[in-house]
Protein backbone atom coordinates (compact mmCIF):
# COMPACT_ATOMS: atom_id res chain seq x y z
CA MET A 1 -26.37 -22.98 -13.04
CA GLY A 2 -26.11 -20.97 -16.25
CA MET A 3 -24.43 -17.93 -14.66
CA THR A 4 -20.92 -16.86 -15.60
CA MET A 5 -18.65 -15.71 -12.78
CA THR A 6 -16.32 -12.89 -13.75
CA SER A 7 -14.60 -12.02 -10.46
CA LEU A 8 -13.88 -13.24 -6.94
CA ALA A 9 -16.63 -10.92 -5.66
CA ASP A 10 -19.12 -12.72 -7.91
CA VAL A 11 -17.98 -16.09 -6.60
CA VAL A 12 -18.08 -15.08 -2.95
CA ALA A 13 -21.54 -13.62 -3.46
CA VAL A 14 -22.97 -17.08 -4.19
CA ALA A 15 -20.95 -18.90 -1.50
CA PRO A 16 -23.36 -19.93 1.24
CA PRO A 17 -22.16 -19.23 4.77
CA ALA A 18 -21.58 -22.13 7.12
CA SER A 19 -24.96 -22.63 8.76
CA GLY A 20 -25.65 -23.37 12.38
CA PRO A 21 -24.44 -22.04 15.74
CA LYS A 22 -20.76 -21.67 16.47
CA VAL A 23 -19.35 -24.48 18.59
CA GLU A 24 -16.27 -25.00 20.74
CA PHE A 25 -13.05 -26.61 19.49
CA GLY A 26 -13.79 -30.25 20.37
CA SER A 27 -17.24 -30.24 18.75
CA TRP A 28 -15.89 -28.42 15.68
CA THR A 29 -13.15 -31.02 15.12
CA HIS A 30 -15.69 -33.85 15.35
CA GLN A 31 -17.84 -32.13 12.74
CA VAL A 32 -14.86 -31.74 10.41
CA GLU A 33 -14.01 -35.43 10.77
CA ARG A 34 -17.58 -36.46 10.00
CA SER A 35 -17.84 -34.11 7.02
CA VAL A 36 -14.37 -34.20 5.45
CA LEU A 37 -11.66 -36.53 6.81
CA ARG A 38 -10.01 -37.62 10.07
CA PHE A 39 -7.24 -35.36 11.33
CA HIS A 40 -5.10 -34.71 14.37
CA PHE A 41 -5.98 -31.17 15.47
CA ASP A 42 -4.09 -28.51 17.33
CA CYS A 43 -5.17 -25.10 18.63
CA GLU A 44 -3.19 -22.53 20.60
CA ARG A 45 -6.26 -21.17 22.40
CA PRO A 46 -8.91 -23.91 22.41
CA ARG A 47 -11.06 -22.14 25.03
CA ALA A 48 -11.33 -19.04 22.82
CA PHE A 49 -11.98 -21.05 19.67
CA ALA A 50 -15.35 -20.94 17.91
CA GLY A 51 -16.25 -22.41 14.57
CA VAL A 52 -19.03 -23.66 12.28
CA VAL A 53 -19.13 -26.58 9.85
CA SER A 54 -22.01 -27.36 7.51
CA ASN A 55 -22.05 -30.37 5.21
CA ARG A 56 -24.37 -30.64 2.21
CA PRO A 57 -23.94 -34.03 0.49
CA LEU A 58 -25.19 -34.38 -3.07
CA ALA A 59 -24.86 -37.78 -4.74
CA ASP A 60 -21.27 -38.82 -3.84
CA VAL A 61 -19.88 -35.30 -3.46
CA ASN A 62 -19.76 -33.37 -0.17
CA PHE A 63 -20.03 -29.57 -0.11
CA VAL A 64 -18.55 -28.46 3.19
CA ASP A 65 -18.56 -24.84 4.40
CA MET A 66 -16.24 -24.00 7.28
CA GLU A 67 -15.57 -20.97 9.45
CA SER A 68 -13.23 -20.91 12.42
CA GLY A 69 -10.36 -19.33 14.28
CA ARG A 70 -6.70 -20.27 14.04
CA HIS A 71 -5.98 -23.99 14.12
CA ALA A 72 -3.86 -26.75 12.60
CA ALA A 73 -4.82 -30.18 11.26
CA TYR A 74 -2.57 -33.11 10.36
CA ARG A 75 -3.01 -36.38 8.53
CA ASP A 76 -0.29 -39.01 8.96
CA ALA A 77 0.03 -42.75 8.44
CA ALA A 78 -1.82 -43.44 11.69
CA THR A 79 -4.72 -41.17 10.68
CA ILE A 80 -5.19 -42.41 7.10
CA THR A 81 -7.56 -45.35 7.14
CA PRO A 82 -8.49 -47.56 4.15
CA ASP A 83 -12.01 -46.15 3.96
CA GLU A 84 -10.65 -42.60 3.53
CA GLN A 85 -8.05 -43.11 0.81
CA ASP A 86 -10.23 -42.67 -2.28
CA PHE A 87 -11.01 -38.94 -2.12
CA TYR A 88 -9.68 -35.60 -3.21
CA VAL A 89 -10.55 -32.49 -1.24
CA MET A 90 -10.58 -29.19 -3.14
CA THR A 91 -10.80 -26.04 -1.05
CA LEU A 92 -11.59 -22.46 -2.03
CA GLN A 93 -10.37 -19.79 0.38
CA LEU A 94 -13.02 -17.13 1.08
CA SER A 95 -11.35 -15.24 3.95
CA GLY A 96 -8.27 -15.54 6.12
CA GLN A 97 -5.26 -17.57 5.04
CA LEU A 98 -4.51 -21.29 4.78
CA ARG A 99 -1.20 -23.17 4.43
CA LEU A 100 -1.55 -26.61 2.88
CA ALA A 101 1.45 -28.97 2.73
CA GLN A 102 1.57 -32.26 0.85
CA ASP A 103 3.96 -34.10 -1.50
CA GLY A 104 6.83 -31.82 -0.51
CA ARG A 105 4.99 -28.68 -1.59
CA ILE A 106 3.34 -25.87 0.37
CA ALA A 107 0.39 -23.90 -0.99
CA VAL A 108 -0.43 -20.59 0.69
CA LEU A 109 -4.07 -19.77 0.01
CA LYS A 110 -5.47 -16.26 0.30
CA PRO A 111 -9.04 -15.28 -0.59
CA GLY A 112 -9.71 -16.25 -4.19
CA HIS A 113 -7.15 -19.07 -4.26
CA TYR A 114 -7.95 -22.76 -4.34
CA ALA A 115 -5.98 -25.98 -3.94
CA ILE A 116 -6.49 -29.73 -3.79
CA TYR A 117 -5.11 -32.52 -1.61
CA ASP A 118 -5.16 -36.32 -1.68
CA SER A 119 -6.82 -38.17 1.20
CA ALA A 120 -4.39 -41.11 0.84
CA LYS A 121 -1.26 -39.06 1.61
CA PRO A 122 0.01 -37.23 4.69
CA ALA A 123 -0.97 -33.56 4.77
CA THR A 124 -0.66 -30.56 7.05
CA ILE A 125 -3.15 -27.69 7.13
CA VAL A 126 -2.69 -24.49 9.15
CA SER A 127 -5.27 -21.70 9.15
CA SER A 128 -5.24 -18.11 10.30
CA ASP A 129 -7.95 -16.40 12.29
CA ASP A 130 -11.02 -15.35 10.32
CA TYR A 131 -10.77 -18.58 8.34
CA ARG A 132 -13.62 -19.29 5.93
CA SER A 133 -13.63 -21.76 3.06
CA THR A 134 -15.76 -24.05 0.95
CA CYS A 135 -14.41 -27.58 0.54
CA ILE A 136 -15.49 -30.05 -2.12
CA ARG A 137 -14.80 -33.66 -1.20
CA PHE A 138 -15.18 -35.97 -4.19
CA PRO A 139 -14.22 -39.54 -5.16
CA LYS A 140 -10.99 -39.94 -7.10
CA ARG A 141 -12.82 -41.52 -10.02
CA TYR A 142 -13.86 -38.00 -11.04
CA LEU A 143 -10.16 -37.25 -11.63
CA PRO A 144 -8.75 -40.60 -12.89
CA ALA A 145 -5.56 -39.07 -14.35
CA PRO A 146 -4.60 -36.16 -12.06
CA PRO A 147 -2.12 -33.68 -13.53
CA PRO A 148 1.37 -34.09 -12.03
CA GLY A 149 2.03 -31.67 -9.20
CA ILE A 150 -1.64 -30.83 -8.71
CA THR A 151 -1.69 -31.36 -4.94
CA ALA A 152 -0.73 -28.55 -2.52
CA THR A 153 -0.40 -26.06 -5.36
CA ALA A 154 -2.18 -22.70 -5.17
CA PHE A 155 -4.35 -21.72 -8.12
CA GLU A 156 -6.28 -18.51 -8.66
CA CYS A 157 -10.04 -18.41 -9.09
CA GLU A 158 -9.52 -16.10 -12.04
CA PRO A 159 -12.08 -14.91 -14.61
CA GLY A 160 -12.89 -17.52 -17.20
CA LEU A 161 -13.21 -21.22 -16.54
CA PRO A 162 -12.06 -21.26 -12.87
CA SER A 163 -14.53 -18.62 -11.70
CA THR A 164 -17.29 -20.15 -13.82
CA VAL A 165 -16.72 -23.65 -12.44
CA TRP A 166 -16.48 -22.43 -8.86
CA GLY A 167 -19.61 -20.38 -9.39
CA MET A 168 -21.42 -23.55 -10.47
CA LEU A 169 -20.05 -25.53 -7.52
CA LEU A 170 -21.16 -22.89 -5.04
CA SER A 171 -24.57 -22.62 -6.70
CA LEU A 172 -24.98 -26.39 -6.37
CA ASN A 173 -23.95 -26.06 -2.75
CA ARG A 174 -26.54 -23.36 -2.10
CA ASN A 175 -29.35 -25.21 -3.88
CA VAL A 176 -28.75 -28.84 -2.84
CA GLU A 177 -32.16 -29.24 -1.25
CA SER A 178 -34.09 -27.90 -4.23
CA LEU A 179 -32.42 -29.90 -7.03
CA GLY A 180 -34.47 -33.04 -6.42
CA PRO A 181 -33.89 -35.92 -8.86
CA HIS A 182 -31.77 -33.70 -11.11
CA GLY A 183 -29.09 -33.33 -8.43
CA PRO A 184 -26.89 -36.36 -9.27
CA ARG A 185 -26.80 -35.50 -12.97
CA ALA A 186 -25.95 -31.88 -12.18
CA VAL A 187 -23.08 -33.02 -9.96
CA ARG A 188 -21.67 -35.28 -12.68
CA THR A 189 -21.83 -32.45 -15.22
CA VAL A 190 -20.08 -29.93 -13.00
CA MET A 191 -17.45 -32.45 -11.89
CA ASP A 192 -16.57 -33.02 -15.54
CA LEU A 193 -15.85 -29.29 -15.72
CA VAL A 194 -13.80 -29.52 -12.51
CA THR A 195 -11.58 -32.08 -14.26
CA VAL A 196 -11.13 -29.74 -17.23
CA MET A 197 -10.36 -26.84 -14.88
CA LEU A 198 -7.73 -28.77 -12.92
CA HIS A 199 -5.97 -29.97 -16.07
CA GLY A 200 -5.79 -26.41 -17.34
CA ALA A 201 -5.05 -24.66 -14.03
CA ARG A 202 -2.33 -22.03 -14.18
CA LEU A 203 0.20 -21.48 -11.44
CA LEU A 204 0.04 -18.23 -9.51
CA PRO A 205 2.58 -15.70 -10.83
CA GLY A 206 4.88 -15.81 -7.80
CA ARG A 207 4.90 -19.59 -7.79
CA ARG A 208 5.64 -19.58 -11.52
CA GLU A 209 8.89 -17.60 -11.14
CA VAL A 210 10.02 -19.73 -8.20
CA LEU A 211 9.30 -22.96 -10.06
CA LEU A 212 11.02 -21.72 -13.23
CA GLU A 213 14.17 -20.94 -11.25
CA GLN A 214 14.03 -24.38 -9.61
CA VAL A 215 13.66 -26.01 -13.01
CA ARG A 216 16.64 -24.10 -14.40
CA GLU A 217 18.85 -24.99 -11.45
CA TRP A 218 17.86 -28.65 -11.60
CA THR A 219 18.42 -28.75 -15.36
CA ASP A 220 21.91 -27.24 -14.99
CA ALA A 221 22.76 -29.96 -12.47
CA HIS A 222 21.66 -32.72 -14.87
CA LEU A 223 23.04 -31.52 -18.20
CA GLY A 224 25.41 -34.50 -18.30
CA ASP A 225 22.47 -36.90 -18.63
CA PRO A 226 22.16 -37.66 -22.37
CA ASP A 227 18.48 -38.52 -21.88
CA LEU A 228 17.65 -35.14 -20.35
CA GLY A 229 14.65 -33.63 -22.10
CA PRO A 230 11.29 -31.95 -21.44
CA ASN A 231 9.60 -35.13 -20.22
CA ALA A 232 12.36 -35.90 -17.72
CA VAL A 233 12.41 -32.31 -16.43
CA ALA A 234 8.63 -32.24 -16.04
CA ALA A 235 8.54 -35.58 -14.23
CA ALA A 236 11.27 -34.48 -11.80
CA HIS A 237 9.18 -31.46 -10.80
CA TYR A 238 5.80 -33.22 -10.66
CA ILE A 239 4.31 -31.06 -13.40
CA SER A 240 2.96 -31.89 -16.83
CA PRO A 241 5.04 -31.25 -19.98
CA ARG A 242 2.42 -28.67 -20.93
CA HIS A 243 2.95 -26.76 -17.67
CA LEU A 244 6.70 -26.96 -18.19
CA HIS A 245 6.46 -25.47 -21.68
CA ASN A 246 4.18 -22.73 -20.31
CA LEU A 247 6.82 -21.88 -17.69
CA PHE A 248 9.33 -21.13 -20.46
CA ALA A 249 6.88 -19.11 -22.54
CA GLY A 250 8.13 -15.53 -22.79
CA THR A 251 11.71 -16.39 -21.70
CA GLY A 252 13.06 -16.57 -25.25
CA PHE A 253 13.77 -20.29 -24.85
CA THR A 254 11.93 -23.53 -25.21
CA VAL A 255 12.85 -26.27 -22.75
CA SER A 256 14.95 -28.03 -25.39
CA SER A 257 16.71 -24.87 -26.55
CA TRP A 258 17.52 -23.98 -22.94
CA ILE A 259 19.12 -27.41 -22.41
CA ARG A 260 21.03 -27.15 -25.70
CA THR A 261 22.27 -23.62 -24.95
CA ARG A 262 23.44 -24.52 -21.45
CA ARG A 263 25.26 -27.61 -22.78
CA VAL A 264 27.03 -25.55 -25.42
CA GLU A 265 28.04 -22.99 -22.78
CA GLY A 266 29.54 -25.76 -20.66
CA CYS A 267 31.45 -27.17 -23.62
CA ARG A 268 32.66 -23.71 -24.59
CA ARG A 269 34.11 -23.14 -21.12
CA ASP A 270 35.87 -26.50 -21.14
CA LEU A 271 37.27 -26.06 -24.65
CA ALA A 272 38.73 -22.69 -23.64
CA ASP A 273 40.28 -24.07 -20.43
CA PRO A 274 44.02 -24.71 -20.88
CA ARG A 275 43.91 -27.29 -18.09
CA LEU A 276 41.69 -29.43 -20.34
CA ALA A 277 43.71 -28.95 -23.52
CA ALA A 278 44.58 -32.65 -23.66
CA THR A 279 40.99 -33.79 -23.14
CA PRO A 280 39.44 -35.02 -26.42
CA VAL A 281 36.58 -32.98 -27.82
CA ALA A 282 34.39 -36.10 -27.78
CA ALA A 283 34.98 -36.54 -24.04
CA ILE A 284 33.98 -32.94 -23.34
CA ALA A 285 30.86 -33.37 -25.47
CA ALA A 286 29.90 -36.55 -23.59
CA ARG A 287 30.51 -34.84 -20.24
CA TRP A 288 27.82 -32.27 -21.11
CA GLY A 289 25.28 -34.77 -22.36
CA PHE A 290 25.83 -34.81 -26.13
CA LYS A 291 25.28 -38.32 -27.49
CA GLY A 292 27.90 -38.19 -30.24
CA ALA A 293 30.82 -36.12 -31.44
CA SER A 294 29.28 -35.58 -34.88
CA HIS A 295 26.01 -34.24 -33.46
CA PHE A 296 27.92 -32.08 -31.00
CA GLY A 297 30.05 -30.63 -33.77
CA GLN A 298 26.98 -29.65 -35.78
CA VAL A 299 25.23 -28.04 -32.80
CA PHE A 300 28.36 -26.21 -31.63
CA LYS A 301 29.13 -24.77 -35.07
CA ARG A 302 25.53 -23.64 -35.50
CA GLU A 303 25.59 -21.89 -32.10
CA MET A 304 29.17 -20.54 -32.12
CA GLY A 305 29.94 -20.16 -35.84
CA ARG A 306 33.06 -22.35 -35.54
CA THR A 307 33.82 -26.01 -35.10
CA PRO A 308 34.82 -27.14 -31.58
CA ALA A 309 38.39 -27.66 -32.77
CA GLU A 310 38.56 -24.18 -34.31
CA PHE A 311 37.10 -22.57 -31.20
CA ARG A 312 39.57 -24.42 -28.95
CA ALA A 313 42.54 -23.47 -31.08
CA GLU A 314 41.59 -19.78 -31.14
CA SER A 315 40.81 -19.65 -27.42
CA LEU A 316 44.07 -21.31 -26.35
CA ALA A 317 46.08 -19.19 -28.80
CA ASP A 318 44.76 -16.04 -27.15
CA LEU A 319 46.21 -17.24 -23.84
CA ARG A 320 49.75 -17.60 -25.14
């Protein structure tokens, strides 16, 4: 329990294999339903399928190791029952690939990636051949205030807190039978660290660039909203304000400065457009989300070095 994991190899080294003989598709699906949640299952070659599931419960947490061939699993409104709505399932990919879809997002997990999904919401899971993972099913009370956008998002089991926490989880998994009366307390301690890890989880680099571009495009489309700000942008993308600010780190902009700059650019284009020469400056400012002409004038002069009226006069004079 005191070990520090520094790499994926370290983490995998303490991951116990799924124990027991391999079984055919029907038996494997029943074991998954008993150990994790109910699903609809699909398999292209059920007669060639072989898999193993082992479930080690400790207190109110289930440590489930799975190995199998290619398959798909679905949870929809008909599958989600009241007794299965109060769990999160966190899965660490050890081999193969997994696609997890929920809440309009898709997480693609490769070895060393982990993700979480909510048992109360529809989800789709598709695995490759050579699939192996460790799943942690735990009650939602361990994560009472989940970070926005946490479900179906791929995170890396990187050195530091993630690899350390996963190392502890896998060590608990391996040593369930020998923990005795100390087991429940050990689970509570490690689950507290899981909460800290999930609140501080960093998006994978590729996902970060994609999300940043989505945020920028969405922000451009909503510049006319005078209430547009970091909190509104974060909420629209199901991420925390902290994650949003981290996305902009290294871009040369904060979220607020990006919004301000894009609004000024929009106003600058309109002020230089001869077709809008009769449109009052205040109307152009309001169109781009500025709450008042006075505030707009101050921001525009600070950014452009001239008042809106001066900039308009110079721009239109150049066209004559």
